[in-house]
Protein backbone atom coordinates (compact mmCIF):
# COMPACT_ATOMS: atom_id res chain seq x y z
CA MET A 1 -40.46 -8.43 18.48
CA LEU A 2 -42.54 -6.68 21.12
CA GLY A 3 -43.50 -9.21 23.76
CA ARG A 4 -46.57 -7.41 25.09
CA PRO A 5 -49.57 -5.56 23.62
CA PRO A 6 -48.40 -2.24 22.14
CA ARG A 7 -49.11 0.91 24.12
CA ILE A 8 -50.90 3.37 21.85
CA ALA A 9 -51.87 7.05 21.99
CA ALA A 10 -54.62 8.50 19.80
CA VAL A 11 -53.63 11.83 18.25
CA GLY A 12 -56.64 13.87 17.16
CA ALA A 13 -60.00 13.80 18.95
CA GLY A 14 -62.28 15.19 16.28
CA VAL A 15 -65.18 13.25 14.78
CA TRP A 16 -63.08 10.55 13.12
CA GLY A 17 -60.47 10.58 15.86
CA ARG A 18 -63.17 9.68 18.39
CA ASN A 19 -64.28 6.85 16.14
CA ILE A 20 -60.71 5.53 16.17
CA ILE A 21 -60.64 5.80 19.96
CA ARG A 22 -63.86 3.79 20.15
CA ALA A 23 -62.35 1.04 17.99
CA LEU A 24 -59.12 1.07 19.98
CA LYS A 25 -61.07 0.57 23.20
CA TYR A 26 -62.76 -2.51 21.73
CA LEU A 27 -59.37 -3.91 20.76
CA GLU A 28 -58.02 -3.06 24.21
CA ALA A 29 -60.81 -5.15 25.75
CA GLU A 30 -59.61 -8.07 23.60
CA GLY A 31 -56.04 -7.65 24.84
CA VAL A 32 -54.75 -6.57 21.41
CA LEU A 33 -53.33 -3.25 22.64
CA GLU A 34 -53.38 -0.70 25.45
CA LEU A 35 -54.81 2.76 24.81
CA ILE A 36 -52.67 4.98 27.00
CA ALA A 37 -53.47 8.58 26.05
CA VAL A 38 -55.60 10.95 23.99
CA VAL A 39 -53.78 13.86 22.34
CA ASP A 40 -55.45 16.98 20.98
CA VAL A 41 -54.26 20.57 20.70
CA ARG A 42 -57.49 21.56 22.47
CA GLU A 43 -56.81 20.58 26.06
CA ASP A 44 -60.47 20.62 27.05
CA VAL A 45 -61.32 18.23 24.20
CA ALA A 46 -58.45 15.88 25.03
CA LYS A 47 -59.46 15.82 28.69
CA THR A 48 -63.16 15.30 27.97
CA VAL A 49 -62.62 12.49 25.46
CA ALA A 50 -60.09 10.74 27.70
CA ARG A 51 -62.56 10.84 30.58
CA GLU A 52 -65.46 9.68 28.38
CA TRP A 53 -63.54 6.62 27.13
CA ARG A 54 -61.66 5.95 30.38
CA VAL A 55 -58.25 6.55 28.86
CA PRO A 56 -55.73 7.12 31.67
CA HIS A 57 -53.87 10.11 30.23
CA TYR A 58 -54.38 13.09 27.94
CA ALA A 59 -51.98 15.60 26.39
CA THR A 60 -51.86 18.52 23.97
CA GLY A 61 -48.68 17.55 22.10
CA LEU A 62 -46.63 14.55 21.03
CA GLU A 63 -43.72 15.66 23.18
CA ASP A 64 -45.91 15.11 26.27
CA LEU A 65 -46.15 11.37 25.54
CA ARG A 66 -42.55 10.57 26.52
CA ARG A 67 -43.48 9.99 30.13
CA PHE A 68 -46.19 7.43 29.23
CA ASP A 69 -43.98 4.78 27.58
CA VAL A 70 -45.92 4.88 24.29
CA ASP A 71 -45.00 2.56 21.38
CA ALA A 72 -47.26 3.88 18.63
CA VAL A 73 -49.74 6.61 17.80
CA THR A 74 -52.79 6.89 15.58
CA VAL A 75 -52.93 10.17 13.66
CA ALA A 76 -56.36 11.55 12.73
CA VAL A 77 -55.99 15.28 12.19
CA PRO A 78 -57.16 17.53 9.32
CA ILE A 79 -55.67 16.44 5.98
CA ASN A 80 -53.41 19.47 5.62
CA TYR A 81 -51.69 18.60 8.93
CA LEU A 82 -51.30 14.84 8.42
CA PRO A 83 -47.74 14.81 6.98
CA GLU A 84 -46.46 17.30 9.56
CA VAL A 85 -47.84 15.34 12.52
CA ALA A 86 -46.74 12.00 11.04
CA LEU A 87 -43.16 13.21 10.64
CA LYS A 88 -43.12 14.62 14.16
CA ALA A 89 -44.39 11.30 15.54
CA ILE A 90 -41.64 9.42 13.69
CA ASN A 91 -39.04 11.87 14.99
CA GLU A 92 -40.35 11.20 18.51
CA GLY A 93 -39.72 7.48 17.89
CA TYR A 94 -43.28 6.20 17.48
CA HIS A 95 -44.74 3.72 15.03
CA ILE A 96 -47.77 5.33 13.41
CA PHE A 97 -51.16 4.62 11.93
CA VAL A 98 -51.94 7.71 9.84
CA GLU A 99 -55.28 8.43 8.24
CA LYS A 100 -55.68 8.68 4.49
CA PRO A 101 -54.49 10.23 2.29
CA VAL A 102 -51.33 10.63 4.46
CA ALA A 103 -50.39 13.64 2.31
CA THR A 104 -51.45 15.47 -0.84
CA LYS A 105 -47.95 15.76 -2.33
CA PRO A 106 -45.77 12.74 -3.22
CA GLU A 107 -42.65 14.43 -1.87
CA GLN A 108 -44.31 14.64 1.56
CA VAL A 109 -44.95 10.89 1.56
CA GLU A 110 -41.38 10.28 0.41
CA ARG A 111 -40.07 12.23 3.41
CA ILE A 112 -42.20 10.10 5.71
CA ILE A 113 -40.88 6.91 4.07
CA LYS A 114 -37.27 8.01 4.50
CA ALA A 115 -37.73 9.06 8.13
CA ALA A 116 -39.53 5.83 9.04
CA THR A 117 -37.02 3.65 7.19
CA ASP A 118 -34.09 5.36 8.87
CA ALA A 119 -35.74 4.92 12.28
CA GLY A 120 -36.95 1.35 11.66
CA LEU A 121 -40.56 2.29 12.39
CA VAL A 122 -43.88 1.01 11.02
CA VAL A 123 -46.12 3.44 9.16
CA GLN A 124 -49.55 2.14 8.14
CA PRO A 125 -51.92 4.35 6.13
CA GLY A 126 -55.61 4.31 6.95
CA PHE A 127 -57.06 2.93 3.73
CA ILE A 128 -60.09 1.53 5.48
CA VAL A 129 -62.13 0.57 2.41
CA ARG A 130 -59.86 -2.33 1.45
CA TYR A 131 -60.91 -3.90 4.78
CA ASP A 132 -64.60 -3.69 3.87
CA PRO A 133 -66.10 -7.19 3.37
CA VAL A 134 -67.29 -6.12 -0.10
CA ALA A 135 -63.74 -5.17 -1.13
CA GLN A 136 -62.44 -8.43 0.31
CA ALA A 137 -65.03 -10.43 -1.65
CA LEU A 138 -64.22 -8.58 -4.89
CA LYS A 139 -60.51 -9.20 -4.36
CA LYS A 140 -61.19 -12.94 -4.05
CA GLU A 141 -63.20 -12.94 -7.29
CA ILE A 142 -60.38 -11.16 -9.12
CA MET A 143 -57.77 -13.55 -7.73
CA ARG A 144 -59.92 -16.52 -8.76
CA ARG A 145 -61.14 -15.40 -12.18
CA GLY A 146 -58.41 -13.13 -13.53
CA ARG A 147 -57.56 -9.49 -14.08
CA PRO A 148 -60.40 -7.07 -14.93
CA THR A 149 -60.67 -5.58 -18.39
CA TYR A 150 -62.16 -2.46 -16.87
CA MET A 151 -63.40 -1.17 -13.52
CA LEU A 152 -65.76 1.65 -12.60
CA PHE A 153 -65.76 3.20 -9.13
CA LYS A 154 -68.54 5.48 -7.86
CA ARG A 155 -68.15 7.35 -4.57
CA LEU A 156 -70.80 10.02 -4.04
CA SER A 157 -71.97 11.82 -0.90
CA ALA A 158 -72.50 15.36 0.35
CA ARG A 159 -69.35 16.40 2.18
CA PRO A 160 -69.60 18.31 5.48
CA PRO A 161 -68.34 21.91 5.44
CA HIS A 162 -65.07 21.17 7.26
CA ARG A 163 -63.96 18.82 4.43
CA ARG A 164 -64.90 20.99 1.46
CA ASN A 165 -61.58 22.87 1.59
CA VAL A 166 -59.81 19.68 0.37
CA SER A 167 -60.13 18.37 -3.16
CA VAL A 168 -62.62 15.53 -3.55
CA VAL A 169 -59.79 13.61 -5.25
CA PHE A 170 -57.81 13.40 -2.01
CA ASP A 171 -60.85 13.09 0.26
CA LEU A 172 -63.15 10.59 -1.51
CA MET A 173 -61.56 9.33 -4.72
CA ILE A 174 -58.33 8.38 -2.93
CA HIS A 175 -60.14 5.38 -1.40
CA ASP A 176 -60.90 3.98 -4.84
CA ILE A 177 -57.43 4.76 -6.11
CA ASP A 178 -56.08 2.60 -3.28
CA LEU A 179 -58.63 -0.12 -4.06
CA THR A 180 -57.38 -0.14 -7.65
CA GLY A 181 -53.87 -0.90 -6.44
CA PHE A 182 -55.25 -3.50 -4.03
CA PHE A 183 -57.16 -5.23 -6.82
CA VAL A 184 -54.68 -5.11 -9.74
CA GLY A 185 -51.35 -3.83 -8.40
CA TRP A 186 -49.39 -0.71 -9.24
CA GLU A 187 -48.15 -1.27 -12.79
CA ASP A 188 -47.25 1.70 -14.95
CA TYR A 189 -50.32 3.84 -15.39
CA SER A 190 -51.49 6.46 -17.85
CA ILE A 191 -54.05 9.16 -17.13
CA VAL A 192 -56.50 9.34 -20.04
CA SER A 193 -58.67 12.24 -18.90
CA ALA A 194 -59.97 14.11 -15.88
CA TRP A 195 -62.87 16.54 -15.72
CA GLY A 196 -64.65 18.13 -12.82
CA VAL A 197 -66.52 20.90 -11.10
CA SER A 198 -64.98 23.21 -8.52
CA ASP A 199 -66.49 25.58 -6.02
CA GLU A 200 -66.08 29.34 -6.21
CA VAL A 201 -62.55 29.22 -4.77
CA GLY A 202 -61.33 26.50 -7.13
CA VAL A 203 -61.42 23.40 -4.90
CA PRO A 204 -62.54 20.34 -6.95
CA GLN A 205 -65.85 19.09 -5.52
CA SER A 206 -66.92 16.65 -8.26
CA VAL A 207 -64.44 14.77 -10.48
CA CYS A 208 -64.58 12.08 -13.17
CA ALA A 209 -61.24 10.54 -14.15
CA SER A 210 -60.13 7.80 -16.50
CA VAL A 211 -56.81 5.92 -16.28
CA THR A 212 -55.17 2.76 -17.54
CA ILE A 213 -53.11 0.54 -15.24
CA GLY A 214 -51.37 -2.19 -17.15
CA ASP A 215 -54.08 -3.60 -19.43
CA THR A 216 -56.95 -2.56 -17.14
CA HIS A 217 -58.99 0.55 -17.84
CA VAL A 218 -60.28 2.29 -14.70
CA SER A 219 -62.87 5.05 -14.35
CA PHE A 220 -63.43 7.00 -11.13
CA ILE A 221 -66.44 9.15 -10.22
CA ALA A 222 -66.26 11.12 -6.97
CA ASP A 223 -68.90 13.69 -6.11
CA GLY A 224 -69.12 15.70 -2.91
CA PHE A 225 -72.16 17.67 -4.03
CA LEU A 226 -74.95 15.09 -4.17
CA PRO A 227 -77.10 14.56 -1.04
CA VAL A 228 -77.05 10.78 -1.58
CA LYS A 229 -74.55 8.15 -0.59
CA VAL A 230 -73.30 5.82 -3.32
CA ARG A 231 -70.38 3.43 -2.87
CA GLU A 232 -70.10 1.00 -5.78
CA VAL A 233 -67.55 -0.86 -7.87
CA GLU A 234 -68.19 -2.59 -11.19
CA ALA A 235 -65.68 -4.81 -12.95
CA SER A 236 -65.58 -6.87 -16.12
CA LEU A 237 -63.65 -10.08 -15.40
CA PRO A 238 -62.72 -12.71 -18.02
CA ASP A 239 -65.98 -14.66 -17.68
CA VAL A 240 -68.34 -12.58 -15.52
CA PHE A 241 -69.41 -9.05 -14.64
CA VAL A 242 -69.24 -8.23 -10.94
CA ARG A 243 -70.71 -5.39 -8.93
CA GLY A 244 -69.99 -4.51 -5.32
CA ILE A 245 -72.53 -2.33 -3.48
CA PHE A 246 -70.81 -1.24 -0.30
CA THR A 247 -73.78 0.50 1.28
CA ASP A 248 -75.79 -2.74 1.18
CA ARG A 249 -72.88 -5.15 1.74
CA VAL A 250 -73.88 -6.93 -1.48
CA VAL A 251 -71.85 -8.53 -4.27
CA GLN A 252 -73.56 -9.36 -7.57
CA ILE A 253 -72.08 -11.72 -10.16
CA LEU A 254 -73.62 -11.67 -13.63
CA SER A 255 -72.87 -14.48 -16.08
CA GLY A 256 -74.50 -16.24 -19.01
CA GLU A 257 -76.50 -18.22 -16.46
CA GLY A 258 -78.04 -15.14 -14.86
CA MET A 259 -77.27 -13.10 -11.74
CA ARG A 260 -76.17 -14.39 -8.36
CA GLU A 261 -76.35 -11.97 -5.44
CA SER A 262 -74.85 -12.56 -2.04
CA LYS A 263 -74.64 -10.64 1.22
CA VAL A 264 -71.17 -10.40 2.74
CA SER A 265 -70.13 -9.83 6.34
CA GLY A 266 -67.01 -9.46 8.41
CA GLU A 267 -65.29 -7.52 11.15
CA GLU A 268 -65.80 -3.76 11.26
CA PRO A 269 -63.14 -2.40 8.84
CA LEU A 270 -61.81 0.17 11.31
CA LYS A 271 -61.18 -2.47 13.95
CA ALA A 272 -59.62 -4.78 11.37
CA GLU A 273 -57.11 -2.21 10.11
CA LEU A 274 -56.16 -1.09 13.62
CA ARG A 275 -55.72 -4.74 14.62
CA ASP A 276 -53.32 -5.20 11.68
CA CYS A 277 -51.39 -2.12 12.70
CA ALA A 278 -51.02 -3.40 16.29
CA ARG A 279 -49.75 -6.72 14.91
CA ARG A 280 -47.19 -4.93 12.74
CA VAL A 281 -46.02 -2.83 15.69
CA LYS A 282 -45.43 -6.10 17.56
CA GLY A 283 -43.21 -7.23 14.69
CA GLU A 284 -45.59 -9.63 12.97
CA GLU A 285 -45.85 -9.97 9.19
CA VAL A 286 -49.23 -8.83 7.89
CA PRO A 287 -49.11 -9.37 4.09
CA ASN A 288 -52.38 -7.67 3.07
CA ALA A 289 -52.10 -4.55 5.24
CA PRO A 290 -51.62 -1.32 3.28
CA THR A 291 -48.09 0.07 3.42
CA ILE A 292 -46.74 3.57 3.25
CA ARG A 293 -45.55 2.76 -0.28
CA ASP A 294 -49.16 2.05 -1.21
CA ALA A 295 -49.92 5.55 0.06
CA LEU A 296 -47.13 6.95 -2.13
CA ASN A 297 -48.50 5.19 -5.22
CA ALA A 298 -52.02 6.41 -4.49
CA CYS A 299 -50.79 9.96 -3.87
CA ARG A 300 -48.84 10.00 -7.15
CA LEU A 301 -51.88 8.90 -9.15
CA ALA A 302 -54.19 11.32 -7.32
CA ARG A 303 -51.76 14.18 -7.91
CA GLY A 304 -51.48 13.20 -11.59
CA ILE A 305 -55.27 13.35 -11.91
CA GLU A 306 -55.32 16.78 -10.31
CA ASP A 307 -52.58 18.01 -12.64
CA VAL A 308 -54.67 17.25 -15.75
CA LEU A 309 -58.06 18.25 -14.31
CA LYS A 310 -60.18 20.49 -16.49
CA LEU A 311 -62.50 22.34 -14.14
CA ARG A 312 -65.52 24.53 -14.45
CA SER A 313 -66.67 26.51 -11.45
CA GLU A 314 -70.17 26.79 -10.09
CA PRO A 315 -71.72 27.80 -6.75
CA PHE A 316 -71.72 25.05 -4.16
CA ARG A 317 -75.04 23.24 -4.11
CA GLY A 318 -75.23 22.17 -0.50
């Protein structure tokens, strides 16, 4: 077990990478970890971000971190590069926190699992939504009342141009696929149907999918076209109907006695998941943290949905 706060480098200093750096600095102030370096292939970006956040070192490649005595890295690079960078970090001997979806092919995640297992390293995927207070509250209701008969997930928002080259299944829907496993486990599943709309080059931008997991029916709606932000979950439990509205931090419970609505609160999800990763790097057991095998299960289901997708193409609307 590591007897000091882990020394961490942040790999990737784009929009989300900078958000991770911000959260790491808050945790550093609490003594949870030390943020040692910023890594980005663009040297000017790495240098600027390191200076802005008062990080002592910057680099343009993982191989440059050897001289800084780093224990772990966070990986926030474009989706297509995630598995490559994650494997390289493992080969360099670092524990890793890697952003979702980790990879878009199950065999890529399997390679990461094997490399990390062989090296005895922690790999934690960045499934941030399960740390949201709404998700935590819904999980408690399910644990208390029993398994849902069905669940409906809605995740809608206009995606920025740099993310439109990735299927909405692996960019947006993957969060709700992970939540499904978090809520009801990863029993044998069956894909009932999947339909969607692609852009002119065939990338799915809006997808509706229906699956069964054990005796729970699950529907997913993910839309990257609409200029509105919707993040909701509905579930039919044995004695109540529950709805989680993530944008408002509200949980509604409907029963024969009427509706009860409550606001929920908690630590910022990004800080919470990075805190868990630091604890795991130190050797602590963190039972509810997502594992790389969760990422494999989510990737398999997402890939299965893509394999049966029936798409029609239309010009992008935003």
